[in-house]
N, C-alpha and C. Protein backbone atom coordinates (compact mmCIF):
# COMPACT_ATOMS: atom_id res chain seq x y z
N MET A 1 -1.67 41.45 4.19
CA MET A 1 -2.60 40.13 3.58
C MET A 1 -1.91 39.56 3.12
N LYS A 2 -0.98 40.05 1.91
CA LYS A 2 -0.61 39.27 0.81
C LYS A 2 0.02 38.15 1.69
N HIS A 3 0.93 38.76 3.32
CA HIS A 3 2.02 37.38 3.91
C HIS A 3 1.18 36.80 4.61
N LEU A 4 0.42 36.86 4.87
CA LEU A 4 -0.69 36.01 5.46
C LEU A 4 -1.29 35.09 4.77
N THR A 5 -2.23 35.28 3.61
CA THR A 5 -1.96 33.79 2.42
C THR A 5 -1.21 33.49 2.41
N SER A 6 0.05 33.77 1.90
CA SER A 6 1.31 33.13 1.77
C SER A 6 1.86 32.15 3.03
N LEU A 7 1.49 32.51 4.36
CA LEU A 7 1.89 31.92 5.09
C LEU A 7 0.94 30.69 5.78
N LEU A 8 -0.52 31.11 4.89
CA LEU A 8 -1.60 29.95 5.32
C LEU A 8 -1.55 29.04 3.96
N ALA A 9 -0.70 29.47 2.92
CA ALA A 9 -0.28 28.20 2.09
C ALA A 9 0.90 26.95 2.38
N VAL A 10 1.46 28.13 2.84
CA VAL A 10 2.24 27.45 3.85
C VAL A 10 2.68 26.08 4.59
N LEU A 11 1.84 27.02 5.38
CA LEU A 11 1.07 25.68 6.40
C LEU A 11 0.32 24.42 5.96
N GLY A 12 -0.40 24.91 5.44
CA GLY A 12 -1.80 24.10 4.44
C GLY A 12 -0.52 22.52 3.84
N LEU A 13 0.39 23.91 3.08
CA LEU A 13 1.48 22.46 2.48
C LEU A 13 1.62 21.57 3.74
N ALA A 14 2.62 22.09 4.39
CA ALA A 14 3.28 21.60 5.42
C ALA A 14 2.28 20.14 6.06
N ALA A 15 1.04 20.44 6.03
CA ALA A 15 0.32 19.76 7.08
C ALA A 15 0.12 18.65 5.98
N PHE A 16 -0.71 18.68 4.67
CA PHE A 16 -0.76 17.77 3.92
C PHE A 16 0.72 16.93 4.21
N VAL A 17 2.10 17.28 3.94
CA VAL A 17 3.06 16.70 3.60
C VAL A 17 3.63 15.89 4.49
N ASN A 18 2.83 16.22 5.71
CA ASN A 18 3.68 15.87 7.18
C ASN A 18 1.85 14.62 7.16
N LEU A 19 1.04 14.75 6.99
CA LEU A 19 -0.08 13.93 6.64
C LEU A 19 -0.02 13.01 5.72
N ALA A 20 0.80 13.22 5.04
CA ALA A 20 0.63 11.79 3.68
C ALA A 20 2.11 11.12 4.44
N VAL A 21 3.19 11.56 5.57
CA VAL A 21 4.19 10.96 5.39
C VAL A 21 4.26 10.25 6.58
N GLY A 22 3.19 10.60 7.05
CA GLY A 22 2.71 9.59 8.76
C GLY A 22 1.77 8.62 8.32
N THR A 23 0.90 9.13 7.03
CA THR A 23 0.11 7.78 6.86
C THR A 23 1.10 6.69 6.22
N ALA A 24 1.85 7.04 5.00
CA ALA A 24 3.16 6.16 4.78
C ALA A 24 3.69 5.63 5.93
N ALA A 25 4.28 6.02 7.04
CA ALA A 25 4.53 5.51 7.90
C ALA A 25 3.80 4.60 8.98
N PHE A 26 3.10 4.87 9.02
CA PHE A 26 2.14 4.54 9.46
C PHE A 26 2.37 2.84 8.74
N ALA A 27 1.57 2.84 7.38
CA ALA A 27 1.46 1.52 6.32
C ALA A 27 2.63 0.85 6.68
N ASP A 28 3.82 1.15 6.99
CA ASP A 28 4.96 0.39 6.76
C ASP A 28 5.56 0.40 8.25
N ASN A 29 5.10 0.66 9.83
CA ASN A 29 4.84 0.34 10.72
C ASN A 29 4.17 -1.00 10.43
N ILE A 30 2.78 -0.50 10.96
CA ILE A 30 1.61 -1.35 10.47
C ILE A 30 1.97 -3.00 9.79
N GLU A 31 2.54 -2.71 8.49
CA GLU A 31 3.08 -4.04 7.90
C GLU A 31 4.38 -4.67 8.50
N GLN A 32 4.94 -3.96 9.17
CA GLN A 32 6.87 -5.04 9.81
C GLN A 32 5.77 -5.28 11.43
N LEU A 33 4.80 -4.37 11.66
CA LEU A 33 4.45 -5.85 12.93
C LEU A 33 3.71 -6.74 12.24
N ALA A 34 2.92 -6.81 11.49
CA ALA A 34 2.13 -8.07 10.73
C ALA A 34 3.42 -9.65 10.50
N ARG A 35 4.38 -8.74 9.53
CA ARG A 35 5.79 -9.31 10.19
C ARG A 35 5.83 -10.09 11.14
N ASP A 36 6.55 -9.06 11.61
CA ASP A 36 6.72 -9.43 12.98
C ASP A 36 6.02 -10.30 14.16
N SER A 37 4.63 -10.52 13.75
CA SER A 37 3.69 -11.09 14.56
C SER A 37 2.90 -12.54 14.08
N GLY A 38 4.04 -12.59 12.66
CA GLY A 38 3.57 -13.85 12.31
C GLY A 38 2.35 -14.33 11.51
N CYS A 39 1.90 -12.05 10.94
CA CYS A 39 0.47 -13.25 10.55
C CYS A 39 0.57 -13.03 9.01
N LEU A 40 1.68 -12.61 8.56
CA LEU A 40 2.15 -12.96 6.99
C LEU A 40 2.86 -13.94 6.77
N SER A 41 2.73 -15.28 7.39
CA SER A 41 2.88 -16.50 7.81
C SER A 41 2.32 -17.30 6.73
N CYS A 42 0.80 -16.96 7.37
CA CYS A 42 0.01 -17.60 7.30
C CYS A 42 -1.28 -16.99 6.50
N HIS A 43 -0.95 -15.30 6.07
CA HIS A 43 -1.79 -14.45 5.22
C HIS A 43 -1.27 -13.54 3.97
N SER A 44 -1.77 -13.14 3.13
CA SER A 44 -1.24 -12.24 2.62
C SER A 44 -2.56 -11.40 1.91
N ALA A 45 -1.99 -10.08 1.30
CA ALA A 45 -2.52 -9.49 0.64
C ALA A 45 -3.93 -9.63 0.22
N LYS A 46 -3.63 -10.48 -1.02
CA LYS A 46 -4.62 -10.87 -1.68
C LYS A 46 -4.93 -12.39 -2.22
N GLU A 47 -4.15 -13.39 -1.83
CA GLU A 47 -3.72 -14.77 -1.70
C GLU A 47 -3.85 -15.32 -0.48
N LYS A 48 -5.01 -16.42 -1.19
CA LYS A 48 -4.94 -17.15 0.22
C LYS A 48 -3.67 -18.24 0.72
N ILE A 49 -3.34 -18.65 1.77
CA ILE A 49 -2.15 -19.22 1.66
C ILE A 49 -2.67 -20.35 2.56
N VAL A 50 -2.49 -20.08 4.56
CA VAL A 50 -2.93 -21.24 5.19
C VAL A 50 -4.15 -20.71 5.50
N GLY A 51 -4.51 -19.08 6.10
CA GLY A 51 -5.66 -18.58 6.46
C GLY A 51 -5.88 -17.74 5.24
N PRO A 52 -7.19 -17.03 4.88
CA PRO A 52 -7.85 -16.27 4.13
C PRO A 52 -6.98 -15.08 3.48
N SER A 53 -7.04 -14.32 2.69
CA SER A 53 -6.43 -13.32 2.28
C SER A 53 -6.92 -12.21 3.49
N PHE A 54 -6.16 -11.00 3.40
CA PHE A 54 -6.86 -9.90 4.05
C PHE A 54 -7.63 -9.29 2.76
N SER A 55 -8.04 -9.62 2.32
CA SER A 55 -8.82 -8.52 1.06
C SER A 55 -10.08 -9.57 0.99
N ALA A 56 -10.67 -11.05 1.56
CA ALA A 56 -11.17 -11.60 1.86
C ALA A 56 -11.62 -11.14 2.95
N VAL A 57 -10.91 -11.47 4.23
CA VAL A 57 -11.40 -11.03 5.63
C VAL A 57 -12.02 -9.88 5.44
N ALA A 58 -12.17 -8.68 4.60
CA ALA A 58 -12.75 -7.25 4.92
C ALA A 58 -13.68 -7.76 3.49
N GLN A 59 -13.81 -8.21 2.97
CA GLN A 59 -15.25 -7.92 2.30
C GLN A 59 -15.92 -9.10 3.24
N LYS A 60 -15.69 -9.89 3.37
CA LYS A 60 -16.78 -10.99 4.57
C LYS A 60 -16.89 -9.92 5.69
N TYR A 61 -16.10 -8.76 6.20
CA TYR A 61 -16.91 -8.13 7.13
C TYR A 61 -17.60 -7.22 7.47
N LYS A 62 -17.34 -6.41 5.81
CA LYS A 62 -17.65 -5.07 5.65
C LYS A 62 -19.04 -5.18 5.96
N GLY A 63 -18.65 -3.69 6.71
CA GLY A 63 -20.13 -3.42 7.10
C GLY A 63 -20.56 -3.50 8.13
N GLN A 64 -19.73 -4.46 8.88
CA GLN A 64 -20.42 -4.53 10.31
C GLN A 64 -19.85 -4.10 11.40
N SER A 65 -20.85 -3.72 12.00
CA SER A 65 -20.06 -2.88 13.17
C SER A 65 -19.44 -3.56 14.13
N ASP A 66 -19.62 -4.97 14.64
CA ASP A 66 -18.97 -5.82 15.47
C ASP A 66 -17.99 -6.19 14.98
N ALA A 67 -16.78 -6.01 13.48
CA ALA A 67 -16.06 -6.52 13.17
C ALA A 67 -14.91 -5.96 13.59
N ILE A 68 -14.64 -5.05 14.10
CA ILE A 68 -12.82 -4.49 15.30
C ILE A 68 -12.91 -5.98 16.65
N PRO A 69 -14.18 -5.40 17.62
CA PRO A 69 -14.25 -6.41 18.15
C PRO A 69 -13.94 -8.08 18.01
N GLN A 70 -14.86 -8.47 17.00
CA GLN A 70 -15.20 -9.73 16.97
C GLN A 70 -13.65 -10.74 16.48
N LEU A 71 -12.96 -9.72 15.66
CA LEU A 71 -11.84 -10.06 15.26
C LEU A 71 -10.63 -10.19 16.18
N VAL A 72 -10.27 -9.71 16.98
CA VAL A 72 -9.33 -8.96 18.07
C VAL A 72 -9.89 -10.26 18.53
N GLN A 73 -10.82 -10.74 18.77
CA GLN A 73 -11.06 -11.30 20.22
C GLN A 73 -10.49 -13.42 19.21
N ALA A 74 -10.63 -12.87 17.74
CA ALA A 74 -10.32 -14.37 17.12
C ALA A 74 -8.83 -14.28 17.14
N VAL A 75 -8.33 -12.89 16.85
CA VAL A 75 -6.52 -13.23 16.47
C VAL A 75 -6.32 -13.57 18.06
N LYS A 76 -6.99 -12.81 19.33
CA LYS A 76 -5.93 -12.67 20.96
C LYS A 76 -6.42 -14.64 20.99
N ASN A 77 -8.05 -15.55 20.85
CA ASN A 77 -8.18 -16.67 21.30
C ASN A 77 -8.09 -17.81 20.43
N GLY A 78 -7.75 -17.34 19.27
CA GLY A 78 -7.79 -18.48 18.10
C GLY A 78 -9.62 -18.40 17.35
N SER A 79 -9.30 -19.16 16.69
CA SER A 79 -10.40 -19.57 16.13
C SER A 79 -10.46 -20.95 14.87
N LYS A 80 -12.12 -21.25 14.70
CA LYS A 80 -11.54 -22.39 14.35
C LYS A 80 -13.09 -22.20 13.38
N GLY A 81 -12.67 -22.99 12.07
CA GLY A 81 -14.28 -23.13 11.55
C GLY A 81 -14.83 -22.29 10.74
N THR A 82 -14.12 -20.61 10.66
CA THR A 82 -14.97 -19.95 10.18
C THR A 82 -14.04 -19.87 8.66
N TRP A 83 -12.69 -20.38 8.30
CA TRP A 83 -12.54 -20.26 7.24
C TRP A 83 -12.18 -21.44 6.24
N GLY A 84 -12.64 -22.73 7.09
CA GLY A 84 -12.44 -24.43 6.57
C GLY A 84 -11.71 -24.72 7.59
N ARG A 85 -11.21 -26.42 7.46
CA ARG A 85 -11.04 -27.22 8.65
C ARG A 85 -9.85 -26.50 9.58
N ILE A 86 -8.93 -25.97 9.03
CA ILE A 86 -7.37 -25.44 9.41
C ILE A 86 -7.90 -24.23 10.50
N PRO A 87 -7.10 -24.84 11.87
CA PRO A 87 -7.70 -24.14 12.74
C PRO A 87 -6.39 -22.80 12.75
N MET A 88 -7.03 -21.56 13.09
CA MET A 88 -6.04 -20.71 13.22
C MET A 88 -5.79 -20.71 14.63
N PRO A 89 -4.31 -20.48 15.61
CA PRO A 89 -3.82 -20.67 16.62
C PRO A 89 -4.38 -19.12 17.28
N GLY A 90 -4.62 -18.92 18.90
CA GLY A 90 -4.35 -17.66 19.58
C GLY A 90 -3.06 -17.22 19.43
N HIS A 91 -3.29 -16.02 18.96
CA HIS A 91 -1.88 -15.19 19.48
C HIS A 91 -2.38 -14.03 21.47
N SER A 92 -2.09 -15.01 22.05
CA SER A 92 -2.72 -13.80 22.56
C SER A 92 -0.83 -13.34 23.14
N SER A 93 0.03 -13.14 23.25
CA SER A 93 0.95 -12.19 23.88
C SER A 93 1.26 -11.24 22.70
N ILE A 94 0.39 -11.02 21.81
CA ILE A 94 0.33 -9.79 21.38
C ILE A 94 -0.40 -8.99 21.81
N ALA A 95 -0.11 -7.62 22.39
CA ALA A 95 -0.64 -6.11 22.95
C ALA A 95 -2.14 -6.11 22.32
N ASP A 96 -2.80 -6.16 23.29
CA ASP A 96 -4.81 -5.89 22.62
C ASP A 96 -4.41 -4.80 21.42
N GLU A 97 -4.35 -3.57 21.78
CA GLU A 97 -3.73 -2.43 21.44
C GLU A 97 -3.11 -2.64 19.50
N ASP A 98 -1.74 -3.52 19.56
CA ASP A 98 -0.97 -4.22 18.33
C ASP A 98 -2.59 -5.00 17.08
N VAL A 99 -3.21 -5.97 18.27
CA VAL A 99 -4.33 -6.79 17.83
C VAL A 99 -5.49 -5.99 17.00
N LYS A 100 -5.08 -4.75 17.66
CA LYS A 100 -7.03 -3.65 17.70
C LYS A 100 -5.95 -2.88 16.50
N ARG A 101 -4.77 -2.75 16.03
CA ARG A 101 -4.15 -1.68 15.07
C ARG A 101 -4.41 -2.98 13.75
N LEU A 102 -3.52 -3.64 13.96
CA LEU A 102 -3.69 -5.43 13.10
C LEU A 102 -4.95 -5.35 12.14
N VAL A 103 -5.96 -5.54 12.86
CA VAL A 103 -7.28 -6.22 12.41
C VAL A 103 -7.39 -4.25 11.91
N THR A 104 -7.40 -3.63 12.46
CA THR A 104 -8.35 -2.41 11.45
C THR A 104 -7.66 -2.53 10.24
N TRP A 105 -6.24 -2.39 10.24
CA TRP A 105 -5.72 -2.37 9.34
C TRP A 105 -6.38 -3.58 7.75
N VAL A 106 -5.94 -4.61 8.44
CA VAL A 106 -6.57 -5.95 8.14
C VAL A 106 -7.81 -5.74 6.80
N LEU A 107 -9.20 -4.78 7.67
CA LEU A 107 -9.92 -4.22 7.13
C LEU A 107 -10.09 -3.14 6.23
N THR A 108 -8.72 -2.83 5.80
CA THR A 108 -8.60 -1.52 4.73
C THR A 108 -8.53 -2.60 3.67
N HIS A 109 -8.35 -4.08 3.77
CA HIS A 109 -7.62 -4.45 2.09
C HIS A 109 -8.79 -4.67 1.40
């Protein structure tokens, strides 16, 4: 029984470490995707650049069940008038799955 308890403790710790490393790798990976896709040319986490900050987007869409599909469409097709006079060009060359990952990440800010 003692060995089983030790084994379960080791497995639990390994799962926790794997989750923590996986979460950090996802954050690094998605931030790199944002850089590579040009998102960080006009947006930042906390400050308005050309477009709104990620935290402003997250705040605006907080609690909206259709936020992800709505924002995916805005990123893919572009938008204008939502955040002021400067339109956001469409980014149709970014894979749909990557746009969804980026939008989901932005909404965590």
